[in-house]
């Protein structure tokens, strides 16, 4: 059974939707930190544990190809996008890093301990 999302998770989801539409540098910061942190490290383990607890493997954790190569290619594409940004846009993206880690940390804790 998948638990209902907690208020802070819903708030973060709405924030991500807003910046995806209105603030691309901020969104890419969150995407980069979440995707690479989740794919390369502990996030995958948490996902597998949650998937195991529901007796199925989550579709999110299935990739076509080598994950290291996919991450490398994605990183290169994101770097190409950010090369076109002004210094101000780059700084703004970096300023979002703290918020990205904080919000995503709350989200991961909710997955590990949904109560």
PDB file of N, CA and C in Angstrom:
ATOM      1  N   UNK A   1       0.840  -1.180   0.000  1.00  0.00           N
ATOM      2  CA  UNK A   1       0.000   0.000   0.000  1.00  0.00           C
ATOM      3  C   UNK A   1       0.887   1.245   0.000  1.00  0.00           C
ATOM      4  N   UNK A   2       0.618   2.145  -0.888  1.00  0.00           N
ATOM      5  CA  UNK A   2       1.373   3.387  -0.977  1.00  0.00           C
ATOM      6  C   UNK A   2       0.732   4.401  -0.036  1.00  0.00           C
ATOM      7  N   UNK A   3       1.537   4.987   0.868  1.00  0.00           N
ATOM      8  CA  UNK A   3       0.964   5.952   1.814  1.00  0.00           C
ATOM      9  C   UNK A   3       0.570   7.253   1.122  1.00  0.00           C
ATOM     10  N   UNK A   4      -0.353   7.967   1.741  1.00  0.00           N
ATOM     11  CA  UNK A   4      -0.739   9.287   1.244  1.00  0.00           C
ATOM     12  C   UNK A   4       0.456  10.228   1.394  1.00  0.00           C
ATOM     13  N   UNK A   5       0.631  11.142   0.452  1.00  0.00           N
ATOM     14  CA  UNK A   5       1.761  12.072   0.564  1.00  0.00           C
ATOM     15  C   UNK A   5       1.582  13.018   1.747  1.00  0.00           C
ATOM     16  N   UNK A   6       2.688  13.330   2.394  1.00  0.00           N
ATOM     17  CA  UNK A   6       2.655  14.285   3.498  1.00  0.00           C
ATOM     18  C   UNK A   6       2.593  15.695   2.925  1.00  0.00           C
ATOM     19  N   UNK A   7       2.165  16.620   3.761  1.00  0.00           N
ATOM     20  CA  UNK A   7       1.972  18.004   3.313  1.00  0.00           C
ATOM     21  C   UNK A   7       3.244  18.594   2.720  1.00  0.00           C
ATOM     22  N   UNK A   8       4.396  18.338   3.359  1.00  0.00           N
ATOM     23  CA  UNK A   8       5.633  18.932   2.839  1.00  0.00           C
ATOM     24  C   UNK A   8       6.010  18.335   1.481  1.00  0.00           C
ATOM     25  N   UNK A   9       5.621  17.097   1.231  1.00  0.00           N
ATOM     26  CA  UNK A   9       5.888  16.488  -0.078  1.00  0.00           C
ATOM     27  C   UNK A   9       4.999  17.118  -1.147  1.00  0.00           C
ATOM     28  N   UNK A  10       3.751  17.352  -0.807  1.00  0.00           N
ATOM     29  CA  UNK A  10       2.851  18.006  -1.758  1.00  0.00           C
ATOM     30  C   UNK A  10       3.301  19.437  -2.038  1.00  0.00           C
ATOM     31  N   UNK A  11       3.748  20.129  -0.989  1.00  0.00           N
ATOM     32  CA  UNK A  11       4.244  21.494  -1.156  1.00  0.00           C
ATOM     33  C   UNK A  11       5.449  21.512  -2.081  1.00  0.00           C
ATOM     34  N   UNK A  12       6.357  20.563  -1.891  1.00  0.00           N
ATOM     35  CA  UNK A  12       7.550  20.499  -2.736  1.00  0.00           C
ATOM     36  C   UNK A  12       7.163  20.174  -4.178  1.00  0.00           C
ATOM     37  N   UNK A  13       6.218  19.292  -4.350  1.00  0.00           N
ATOM     38  CA  UNK A  13       5.745  18.949  -5.692  1.00  0.00           C
ATOM     39  C   UNK A  13       5.193  20.182  -6.412  1.00  0.00           C
ATOM     40  N   UNK A  14       4.387  20.956  -5.717  1.00  0.00           N
ATOM     41  CA  UNK A  14       3.831  22.179  -6.311  1.00  0.00           C
ATOM     42  C   UNK A  14       4.931  23.191  -6.620  1.00  0.00           C
ATOM     43  N   UNK A  15       5.922  23.271  -5.735  1.00  0.00           N
ATOM     44  CA  UNK A  15       7.050  24.176  -5.970  1.00  0.00           C
ATOM     45  C   UNK A  15       7.803  23.764  -7.233  1.00  0.00           C
ATOM     46  N   UNK A  16       8.055  22.457  -7.378  1.00  0.00           N
ATOM     47  CA  UNK A  16       8.761  21.975  -8.566  1.00  0.00           C
ATOM     48  C   UNK A  16       7.972  22.266  -9.840  1.00  0.00           C
ATOM     49  N   UNK A  17       6.661  22.079  -9.786  1.00  0.00           N
ATOM     50  CA  UNK A  17       5.833  22.395 -10.957  1.00  0.00           C
ATOM     51  C   UNK A  17       5.938  23.870 -11.315  1.00  0.00           C
ATOM     52  N   UNK A  18       5.919  24.722 -10.298  1.00  0.00           N
ATOM     53  CA  UNK A  18       5.998  26.161 -10.535  1.00  0.00           C
ATOM     54  C   UNK A  18       7.338  26.552 -11.153  1.00  0.00           C
ATOM     55  N   UNK A  19       8.433  26.085 -10.574  1.00  0.00           N
ATOM     56  CA  UNK A  19       9.733  26.499 -11.120  1.00  0.00           C
ATOM     57  C   UNK A  19      10.020  25.836 -12.465  1.00  0.00           C
ATOM     58  N   UNK A  20       9.426  24.669 -12.715  1.00  0.00           N
ATOM     59  CA  UNK A  20       9.597  24.041 -14.035  1.00  0.00           C
ATOM     60  C   UNK A  20       9.028  24.945 -15.121  1.00  0.00           C
ATOM     61  N   UNK A  21       7.948  25.628 -14.809  1.00  0.00           N
ATOM     62  CA  UNK A  21       7.310  26.518 -15.779  1.00  0.00           C
ATOM     63  C   UNK A  21       7.906  27.919 -15.792  1.00  0.00           C
ATOM     64  N   UNK A  22       8.356  28.393 -14.634  1.00  0.00           N
ATOM     65  CA  UNK A  22       8.706  29.808 -14.504  1.00  0.00           C
ATOM     66  C   UNK A  22      10.165  30.120 -14.193  1.00  0.00           C
ATOM     67  N   UNK A  23      10.948  29.115 -13.833  1.00  0.00           N
ATOM     68  CA  UNK A  23      12.321  29.384 -13.397  1.00  0.00           C
ATOM     69  C   UNK A  23      13.234  28.212 -13.772  1.00  0.00           C
ATOM     70  N   UNK A  24      13.546  28.060 -15.061  1.00  0.00           N
ATOM     71  CA  UNK A  24      14.338  26.905 -15.514  1.00  0.00           C
ATOM     72  C   UNK A  24      15.660  26.684 -14.772  1.00  0.00           C
ATOM     73  N   UNK A  25      16.473  27.710 -14.479  1.00  0.00           N
ATOM     74  CA  UNK A  25      17.713  27.432 -13.749  1.00  0.00           C
ATOM     75  C   UNK A  25      17.468  26.792 -12.379  1.00  0.00           C
ATOM     76  N   UNK A  26      16.451  27.259 -11.674  1.00  0.00           N
ATOM     77  CA  UNK A  26      16.136  26.671 -10.370  1.00  0.00           C
ATOM     78  C   UNK A  26      15.666  25.228 -10.534  1.00  0.00           C
ATOM     79  N   UNK A  27      14.812  24.990 -11.521  1.00  0.00           N
ATOM     80  CA  UNK A  27      14.319  23.628 -11.734  1.00  0.00           C
ATOM     81  C   UNK A  27      15.452  22.676 -12.089  1.00  0.00           C
ATOM     82  N   UNK A  28      16.349  23.107 -12.961  1.00  0.00           N
ATOM     83  CA  UNK A  28      17.460  22.233 -13.350  1.00  0.00           C
ATOM     84  C   UNK A  28      18.340  21.928 -12.149  1.00  0.00           C
ATOM     85  N   UNK A  29      18.510  22.894 -11.250  1.00  0.00           N
ATOM     86  CA  UNK A  29      19.266  22.629 -10.026  1.00  0.00           C
ATOM     87  C   UNK A  29      18.617  21.501  -9.231  1.00  0.00           C
ATOM     88  N   UNK A  30      17.320  21.590  -9.024  1.00  0.00           N
ATOM     89  CA  UNK A  30      16.615  20.547  -8.272  1.00  0.00           C
ATOM     90  C   UNK A  30      16.691  19.213  -9.015  1.00  0.00           C
ATOM     91  N   UNK A  31      16.430  19.239 -10.302  1.00  0.00           N
ATOM     92  CA  UNK A  31      16.479  18.017 -11.098  1.00  0.00           C
ATOM     93  C   UNK A  31      17.854  17.365 -11.006  1.00  0.00           C
ATOM     94  N   UNK A  32      18.886  18.165 -11.206  1.00  0.00           N
ATOM     95  CA  UNK A  32      20.257  17.651 -11.193  1.00  0.00           C
ATOM     96  C   UNK A  32      20.579  17.015  -9.847  1.00  0.00           C
ATOM     97  N   UNK A  33      20.296  17.731  -8.770  1.00  0.00           N
ATOM     98  CA  UNK A  33      20.612  17.218  -7.438  1.00  0.00           C
ATOM     99  C   UNK A  33      19.793  15.986  -7.086  1.00  0.00           C
ATOM    100  N   UNK A  34      18.532  15.990  -7.424  1.00  0.00           N
ATOM    101  CA  UNK A  34      17.677  14.844  -7.111  1.00  0.00           C
ATOM    102  C   UNK A  34      18.046  13.648  -7.971  1.00  0.00           C
ATOM    103  N   UNK A  35      18.111  13.839  -9.272  1.00  0.00           N
ATOM    104  CA  UNK A  35      18.337  12.712 -10.170  1.00  0.00           C
ATOM    105  C   UNK A  35      19.693  12.072  -9.948  1.00  0.00           C
ATOM    106  N   UNK A  36      20.732  12.895  -9.876  1.00  0.00           N
ATOM    107  CA  UNK A  36      22.062  12.321  -9.724  1.00  0.00           C
ATOM    108  C   UNK A  36      22.272  11.772  -8.322  1.00  0.00           C
ATOM    109  N   UNK A  37      21.773  12.462  -7.317  1.00  0.00           N
ATOM    110  CA  UNK A  37      21.892  11.946  -5.959  1.00  0.00           C
ATOM    111  C   UNK A  37      21.116  10.654  -5.786  1.00  0.00           C
ATOM    112  N   UNK A  38      19.948  10.608  -6.360  1.00  0.00           N
ATOM    113  CA  UNK A  38      19.079   9.444  -6.230  1.00  0.00           C
ATOM    114  C   UNK A  38      19.593   8.264  -7.050  1.00  0.00           C
ATOM    115  N   UNK A  39      20.039   8.534  -8.251  1.00  0.00           N
ATOM    116  CA  UNK A  39      20.481   7.460  -9.140  1.00  0.00           C
ATOM    117  C   UNK A  39      21.830   6.895  -8.741  1.00  0.00           C
ATOM    118  N   UNK A  40      22.694   7.750  -8.241  1.00  0.00           N
ATOM    119  CA  UNK A  40      24.058   7.322  -7.963  1.00  0.00           C
ATOM    120  C   UNK A  40      24.250   6.814  -6.546  1.00  0.00           C
ATOM    121  N   UNK A  41      23.314   7.056  -5.659  1.00  0.00           N
ATOM    122  CA  UNK A  41      23.598   6.723  -4.276  1.00  0.00           C
ATOM    123  C   UNK A  41      22.469   6.079  -3.522  1.00  0.00           C
ATOM    124  N   UNK A  42      22.310   6.572  -2.306  1.00  0.00           N
ATOM    125  CA  UNK A  42      21.384   5.984  -1.360  1.00  0.00           C
ATOM    126  C   UNK A  42      19.942   5.984  -1.799  1.00  0.00           C
ATOM    127  N   UNK A  43      19.571   6.902  -2.644  1.00  0.00           N
ATOM    128  CA  UNK A  43      18.183   6.958  -3.089  1.00  0.00           C
ATOM    129  C   UNK A  43      17.740   5.686  -3.763  1.00  0.00           C
ATOM    130  N   UNK A  44      18.633   5.092  -4.536  1.00  0.00           N
ATOM    131  CA  UNK A  44      18.272   3.833  -5.205  1.00  0.00           C
ATOM    132  C   UNK A  44      18.019   2.747  -4.174  1.00  0.00           C
ATOM    133  N   UNK A  45      18.857   2.717  -3.142  1.00  0.00           N
ATOM    134  CA  UNK A  45      18.676   1.699  -2.108  1.00  0.00           C
ATOM    135  C   UNK A  45      17.345   1.895  -1.396  1.00  0.00           C
ATOM    136  N   UNK A  46      17.008   3.136  -1.073  1.00  0.00           N
ATOM    137  CA  UNK A  46      15.726   3.412  -0.426  1.00  0.00           C
ATOM    138  C   UNK A  46      14.590   2.971  -1.332  1.00  0.00           C
ATOM    139  N   UNK A  47      14.709   3.273  -2.615  1.00  0.00           N
ATOM    140  CA  UNK A  47      13.676   2.867  -3.567  1.00  0.00           C
ATOM    141  C   UNK A  47      13.525   1.365  -3.652  1.00  0.00           C
ATOM    142  N   UNK A  48      14.648   0.665  -3.680  1.00  0.00           N
ATOM    143  CA  UNK A  48      14.579  -0.790  -3.728  1.00  0.00           C
ATOM    144  C   UNK A  48      13.941  -1.346  -2.455  1.00  0.00           C
ATOM    145  N   UNK A  49      14.299  -0.771  -1.308  1.00  0.00           N
ATOM    146  CA  UNK A  49      13.708  -1.241  -0.058  1.00  0.00           C
ATOM    147  C   UNK A  49      12.206  -0.995  -0.034  1.00  0.00           C
ATOM    148  N   UNK A  50      11.781   0.193  -0.476  1.00  0.00           N
ATOM    149  CA  UNK A  50      10.348   0.474  -0.525  1.00  0.00           C
ATOM    150  C   UNK A  50       9.671  -0.424  -1.553  1.00  0.00           C
ATOM    151  N   UNK A  51      10.337  -0.640  -2.680  1.00  0.00           N
ATOM    152  CA  UNK A  51       9.783  -1.527  -3.698  1.00  0.00           C
ATOM    153  C   UNK A  51       9.656  -2.944  -3.177  1.00  0.00           C
ATOM    154  N   UNK A  52      10.683  -3.397  -2.464  1.00  0.00           N
ATOM    155  CA  UNK A  52      10.663  -4.738  -1.900  1.00  0.00           C
ATOM    156  C   UNK A  52       9.526  -4.866  -0.895  1.00  0.00           C
ATOM    157  N   UNK A  53       9.321  -3.801  -0.106  1.00  0.00           N
ATOM    158  CA  UNK A  53       8.269  -3.880   0.906  1.00  0.00           C
ATOM    159  C   UNK A  53       6.886  -3.954   0.275  1.00  0.00           C
ATOM    160  N   UNK A  54       6.739  -3.529  -0.956  1.00  0.00           N
ATOM    161  CA  UNK A  54       5.448  -3.645  -1.641  1.00  0.00           C
ATOM    162  C   UNK A  54       5.440  -4.818  -2.613  1.00  0.00           C
ATOM    163  N   UNK A  55       6.487  -5.634  -2.568  1.00  0.00           N
ATOM    164  CA  UNK A  55       6.625  -6.852  -3.370  1.00  0.00           C
ATOM    165  C   UNK A  55       6.610  -6.568  -4.874  1.00  0.00           C
ATOM    166  N   UNK A  56       7.192  -5.489  -5.264  1.00  0.00           N
ATOM    167  CA  UNK A  56       7.359  -5.246  -6.689  1.00  0.00           C
ATOM    168  C   UNK A  56       8.516  -4.278  -6.890  1.00  0.00           C
ATOM    169  N   UNK A  57       9.073  -4.309  -8.062  1.00  0.00           N
ATOM    170  CA  UNK A  57      10.139  -3.377  -8.405  1.00  0.00           C
ATOM    171  C   UNK A  57       9.503  -2.172  -9.083  1.00  0.00           C
ATOM    172  N   UNK A  58       9.828  -0.995  -8.591  1.00  0.00           N
ATOM    173  CA  UNK A  58       9.235   0.220  -9.116  1.00  0.00           C
ATOM    174  C   UNK A  58       9.758   0.529 -10.515  1.00  0.00           C
ATOM    175  N   UNK A  59       8.882   0.956 -11.394  1.00  0.00           N
ATOM    176  CA  UNK A  59       9.262   1.283 -12.767  1.00  0.00           C
ATOM    177  C   UNK A  59      10.331   2.371 -12.825  1.00  0.00           C
ATOM    178  N   UNK A  60      10.326   3.277 -11.850  1.00  0.00           N
ATOM    179  CA  UNK A  60      11.296   4.368 -11.824  1.00  0.00           C
ATOM    180  C   UNK A  60      12.729   3.855 -11.822  1.00  0.00           C
ATOM    181  N   UNK A  61      12.951   2.660 -11.318  1.00  0.00           N
ATOM    182  CA  UNK A  61      14.302   2.126 -11.176  1.00  0.00           C
ATOM    183  C   UNK A  61      14.717   1.218 -12.318  1.00  0.00           C
ATOM    184  N   UNK A  62      13.996   1.250 -13.406  1.00  0.00           N
ATOM    185  CA  UNK A  62      14.360   0.455 -14.575  1.00  0.00           C
ATOM    186  C   UNK A  62      14.907   1.391 -15.645  1.00  0.00           C
ATOM    187  N   UNK A  63      16.099   1.063 -16.156  1.00  0.00           N
ATOM    188  CA  UNK A  63      16.724   1.886 -17.185  1.00  0.00           C
ATOM    189  C   UNK A  63      17.039   1.034 -18.394  1.00  0.00           C
ATOM    190  N   UNK A  64      16.984   1.650 -19.554  1.00  0.00           N
ATOM    191  CA  UNK A  64      17.418   0.998 -20.785  1.00  0.00           C
ATOM    192  C   UNK A  64      18.874   1.369 -20.997  1.00  0.00           C
ATOM    193  N   UNK A  65      19.764   0.457 -20.690  1.00  0.00           N
ATOM    194  CA  UNK A  65      21.186   0.721 -20.866  1.00  0.00           C
ATOM    195  C   UNK A  65      21.926   0.806 -19.551  1.00  0.00           C
ATOM    196  N   UNK A  66      23.191   1.151 -19.661  1.00  0.00           N
ATOM    197  CA  UNK A  66      24.086   1.248 -18.516  1.00  0.00           C
ATOM    198  C   UNK A  66      23.827   2.562 -17.780  1.00  0.00           C
ATOM    199  N   UNK A  67      23.527   2.476 -16.484  1.00  0.00           N
ATOM    200  CA  UNK A  67      23.179   3.675 -15.719  1.00  0.00           C
ATOM    201  C   UNK A  67      24.321   4.684 -15.697  1.00  0.00           C
ATOM    202  N   UNK A  68      25.556   4.224 -15.614  1.00  0.00           N
ATOM    203  CA  UNK A  68      26.693   5.152 -15.598  1.00  0.00           C
ATOM    204  C   UNK A  68      26.780   5.936 -16.901  1.00  0.00           C
ATOM    205  N   UNK A  69      26.562   5.263 -18.003  1.00  0.00           N
ATOM    206  CA  UNK A  69      26.608   5.931 -19.306  1.00  0.00           C
ATOM    207  C   UNK A  69      25.430   6.895 -19.468  1.00  0.00           C
ATOM    208  N   UNK A  70      24.262   6.490 -19.003  1.00  0.00           N
ATOM    209  CA  UNK A  70      23.095   7.370 -19.074  1.00  0.00           C
ATOM    210  C   UNK A  70      23.306   8.638 -18.251  1.00  0.00           C
ATOM    211  N   UNK A  71      23.860   8.484 -17.043  1.00  0.00           N
ATOM    212  CA  UNK A  71      24.123   9.640 -16.194  1.00  0.00           C
ATOM    213  C   UNK A  71      25.159  10.564 -16.822  1.00  0.00           C
ATOM    214  N   UNK A  72      26.176   9.973 -17.429  1.00  0.00           N
ATOM    215  CA  UNK A  72      27.216  10.765 -18.098  1.00  0.00           C
ATOM    216  C   UNK A  72      26.604  11.570 -19.239  1.00  0.00           C
ATOM    217  N   UNK A  73      25.794  10.931 -20.055  1.00  0.00           N
ATOM    218  CA  UNK A  73      25.154  11.618 -21.183  1.00  0.00           C
ATOM    219  C   UNK A  73      24.221  12.735 -20.711  1.00  0.00           C
ATOM    220  N   UNK A  74      23.457  12.451 -19.666  1.00  0.00           N
ATOM    221  CA  UNK A  74      22.551  13.465 -19.138  1.00  0.00           C
ATOM    222  C   UNK A  74      23.335  14.650 -18.588  1.00  0.00           C
ATOM    223  N   UNK A  75      24.396  14.365 -17.870  1.00  0.00           N
ATOM    224  CA  UNK A  75      25.236  15.427 -17.324  1.00  0.00           C
ATOM    225  C   UNK A  75      25.784  16.314 -18.435  1.00  0.00           C
ATOM    226  N   UNK A  76      26.237  15.706 -19.507  1.00  0.00           N
ATOM    227  CA  UNK A  76      26.759  16.475 -20.642  1.00  0.00           C
ATOM    228  C   UNK A  76      25.680  17.364 -21.250  1.00  0.00           C
ATOM    229  N   UNK A  77      24.463  16.838 -21.379  1.00  0.00           N
ATOM    230  CA  UNK A  77      23.365  17.629 -21.945  1.00  0.00           C
ATOM    231  C   UNK A  77      22.989  18.797 -21.034  1.00  0.00           C
ATOM    232  N   UNK A  78      22.947  18.545 -19.728  1.00  0.00           N
ATOM    233  CA  UNK A  78      22.636  19.630 -18.794  1.00  0.00           C
ATOM    234  C   UNK A  78      23.721  20.699 -18.818  1.00  0.00           C
ATOM    235  N   UNK A  79      24.965  20.282 -18.930  1.00  0.00           N
ATOM    236  CA  UNK A  79      26.060  21.249 -19.014  1.00  0.00           C
ATOM    237  C   UNK A  79      25.943  22.107 -20.266  1.00  0.00           C
ATOM    238  N   UNK A  80      25.512  21.504 -21.375  1.00  0.00           N
ATOM    239  CA  UNK A  80      25.320  22.279 -22.612  1.00  0.00           C
ATOM    240  C   UNK A  80      24.250  23.354 -22.415  1.00  0.00           C
ATOM    241  N   UNK A  81      23.172  22.985 -21.737  1.00  0.00           N
ATOM    242  CA  UNK A  81      22.097  23.949 -21.483  1.00  0.00           C
ATOM    243  C   UNK A  81      22.619  25.098 -20.627  1.00  0.00           C
ATOM    244  N   UNK A  82      23.332  24.767 -19.564  1.00  0.00           N
ATOM    245  CA  UNK A  82      23.788  25.813 -18.642  1.00  0.00           C
ATOM    246  C   UNK A  82      24.883  26.694 -19.242  1.00  0.00           C
ATOM    247  N   UNK A  83      25.560  26.226 -20.268  1.00  0.00           N
ATOM    248  CA  UNK A  83      26.581  27.060 -20.922  1.00  0.00           C
ATOM    249  C   UNK A  83      25.968  28.309 -21.551  1.00  0.00           C
ATOM    250  N   UNK A  84      24.695  28.258 -21.869  1.00  0.00           N
ATOM    251  CA  UNK A  84      24.008  29.391 -22.490  1.00  0.00           C
ATOM    252  C   UNK A  84      23.487  30.398 -21.464  1.00  0.00           C
ATOM    253  N   UNK A  85      23.569  30.065 -20.188  1.00  0.00           N
ATOM    254  CA  UNK A  85      23.042  30.932 -19.143  1.00  0.00           C
ATOM    255  C   UNK A  85      23.980  32.097 -18.848  1.00  0.00           C
ATOM    256  N   UNK A  86      23.391  33.165 -18.342  1.00  0.00           N
ATOM    257  CA  UNK A  86      24.180  34.295 -17.851  1.00  0.00           C
ATOM    258  C   UNK A  86      24.774  33.914 -16.497  1.00  0.00           C
ATOM    259  N   UNK A  87      25.730  34.686 -16.028  1.00  0.00           N
ATOM    260  CA  UNK A  87      26.316  34.454 -14.704  1.00  0.00           C
ATOM    261  C   UNK A  87      25.226  34.522 -13.645  1.00  0.00           C
ATOM    262  N   UNK A  88      24.303  35.449 -13.785  1.00  0.00           N
ATOM    263  CA  UNK A  88      23.208  35.589 -12.821  1.00  0.00           C
ATOM    264  C   UNK A  88      22.348  34.317 -12.773  1.00  0.00           C
ATOM    265  N   UNK A  89      22.035  33.749 -13.915  1.00  0.00           N
ATOM    266  CA  UNK A  89      21.241  32.512 -13.958  1.00  0.00           C
ATOM    267  C   UNK A  89      22.007  31.350 -13.328  1.00  0.00           C
ATOM    268  N   UNK A  90      23.294  31.280 -13.580  1.00  0.00           N
ATOM    269  CA  UNK A  90      24.112  30.220 -12.976  1.00  0.00           C
ATOM    270  C   UNK A  90      24.145  30.367 -11.460  1.00  0.00           C
ATOM    271  N   UNK A  91      24.327  31.598 -10.978  1.00  0.00           N
ATOM    272  CA  UNK A  91      24.337  31.831  -9.533  1.00  0.00           C
ATOM    273  C   UNK A  91      22.991  31.478  -8.915  1.00  0.00           C
ATOM    274  N   UNK A  92      21.923  31.823  -9.602  1.00  0.00           N
ATOM    275  CA  UNK A  92      20.580  31.507  -9.107  1.00  0.00           C
ATOM    276  C   UNK A  92      20.396  29.989  -8.982  1.00  0.00           C
ATOM    277  N   UNK A  93      20.863  29.257  -9.964  1.00  0.00           N
ATOM    278  CA  UNK A  93      20.794  27.796  -9.914  1.00  0.00           C
ATOM    279  C   UNK A  93      21.549  27.274  -8.696  1.00  0.00           C
ATOM    280  N   UNK A  94      22.743  27.792  -8.476  1.00  0.00           N
ATOM    281  CA  UNK A  94      23.543  27.353  -7.329  1.00  0.00           C
ATOM    282  C   UNK A  94      22.867  27.690  -6.002  1.00  0.00           C
ATOM    283  N   UNK A  95      22.192  28.826  -5.944  1.00  0.00           N
ATOM    284  CA  UNK A  95      21.500  29.227  -4.716  1.00  0.00           C
ATOM    285  C   UNK A  95      20.352  28.283  -4.369  1.00  0.00           C
ATOM    286  N   UNK A  96      19.818  27.600  -5.341  1.00  0.00           N
ATOM    287  CA  UNK A  96      18.717  26.659  -5.108  1.00  0.00           C
ATOM    288  C   UNK A  96      19.200  25.341  -4.504  1.00  0.00           C
ATOM    289  N   UNK A  97      20.497  25.108  -4.505  1.00  0.00           N
ATOM    290  CA  UNK A  97      21.031  23.821  -4.058  1.00  0.00           C
ATOM    291  C   UNK A  97      20.623  23.492  -2.633  1.00  0.00           C
ATOM    292  N   UNK A  98      20.735  24.448  -1.723  1.00  0.00           N
ATOM    293  CA  UNK A  98      20.375  24.195  -0.329  1.00  0.00           C
ATOM    294  C   UNK A  98      18.911  23.780  -0.207  1.00  0.00           C
ATOM    295  N   UNK A  99      18.043  24.491  -0.905  1.00  0.00           N
ATOM    296  CA  UNK A  99      16.617  24.160  -0.874  1.00  0.00           C
ATOM    297  C   UNK A  99      16.376  22.772  -1.475  1.00  0.00           C
ATOM    298  N   UNK A 100      17.090  22.452  -2.547  1.00  0.00           N
ATOM    299  CA  UNK A 100      16.932  21.139  -3.188  1.00  0.00           C
ATOM    300  C   UNK A 100      17.279  20.019  -2.215  1.00  0.00           C
ATOM    301  N   UNK A 101      18.416  20.140  -1.535  1.00  0.00           N
ATOM    302  CA  UNK A 101      18.823  19.106  -0.586  1.00  0.00           C
ATOM    303  C   UNK A 101      17.858  19.013   0.591  1.00  0.00           C
ATOM    304  N   UNK A 102      17.428  20.153   1.106  1.00  0.00           N
ATOM    305  CA  UNK A 102      16.523  20.163   2.253  1.00  0.00           C
ATOM    306  C   UNK A 102      15.186  19.512   1.900  1.00  0.00           C
ATOM    307  N   UNK A 103      14.583  19.961   0.812  1.00  0.00           N
ATOM    308  CA  UNK A 103      13.273  19.424   0.424  1.00  0.00           C
ATOM    309  C   UNK A 103      13.352  17.946   0.065  1.00  0.00           C
ATOM    310  N   UNK A 104      14.383  17.578  -0.671  1.00  0.00           N
ATOM    311  CA  UNK A 104      14.511  16.179  -1.068  1.00  0.00           C
ATOM    312  C   UNK A 104      14.816  15.295   0.134  1.00  0.00           C
ATOM    313  N   UNK A 105      15.554  15.827   1.100  1.00  0.00           N
ATOM    314  CA  UNK A 105      15.812  15.076   2.329  1.00  0.00           C
ATOM    315  C   UNK A 105      14.524  14.746   3.062  1.00  0.00           C
ATOM    316  N   UNK A 106      13.627  15.726   3.144  1.00  0.00           N
ATOM    317  CA  UNK A 106      12.319  15.485   3.773  1.00  0.00           C
ATOM    318  C   UNK A 106      11.545  14.418   3.003  1.00  0.00           C
ATOM    319  N   UNK A 107      11.603  14.491   1.697  1.00  0.00           N
ATOM    320  CA  UNK A 107      10.896  13.528   0.859  1.00  0.00           C
ATOM    321  C   UNK A 107      11.436  12.114   1.082  1.00  0.00           C
ATOM    322  N   UNK A 108      12.751  11.964   1.109  1.00  0.00           N
ATOM    323  CA  UNK A 108      13.342  10.638   1.327  1.00  0.00           C
ATOM    324  C   UNK A 108      12.990  10.089   2.701  1.00  0.00           C
ATOM    325  N   UNK A 109      13.019  10.952   3.720  1.00  0.00           N
ATOM    326  CA  UNK A 109      12.642  10.482   5.058  1.00  0.00           C
ATOM    327  C   UNK A 109      11.197   9.991   5.065  1.00  0.00           C
ATOM    328  N   UNK A 110      10.343  10.633   4.295  1.00  0.00           N
ATOM    329  CA  UNK A 110       8.946  10.190   4.205  1.00  0.00           C
ATOM    330  C   UNK A 110       8.837   8.814   3.562  1.00  0.00           C
ATOM    331  N   UNK A 111       9.716   8.530   2.600  1.00  0.00           N
ATOM    332  CA  UNK A 111       9.692   7.217   1.947  1.00  0.00           C
ATOM    333  C   UNK A 111      10.189   6.117   2.873  1.00  0.00           C
ATOM    334  N   UNK A 112      11.205   6.435   3.660  1.00  0.00           N
ATOM    335  CA  UNK A 112      11.788   5.438   4.555  1.00  0.00           C
ATOM    336  C   UNK A 112      10.876   5.191   5.742  1.00  0.00           C
ATOM    337  N   UNK A 113      10.311   6.254   6.268  1.00  0.00           N
ATOM    338  CA  UNK A 113       9.465   6.156   7.444  1.00  0.00           C
ATOM    339  C   UNK A 113       8.175   6.929   7.199  1.00  0.00           C
ATOM    340  N   UNK A 114       7.208   6.306   6.536  1.00  0.00           N
ATOM    341  CA  UNK A 114       5.993   7.020   6.151  1.00  0.00           C
ATOM    342  C   UNK A 114       5.101   7.443   7.314  1.00  0.00           C
ATOM    343  N   UNK A 115       5.352   6.964   8.507  1.00  0.00           N
ATOM    344  CA  UNK A 115       4.505   7.340   9.659  1.00  0.00           C
ATOM    345  C   UNK A 115       4.858   8.685  10.227  1.00  0.00           C
TER     346      UNK A 115
END
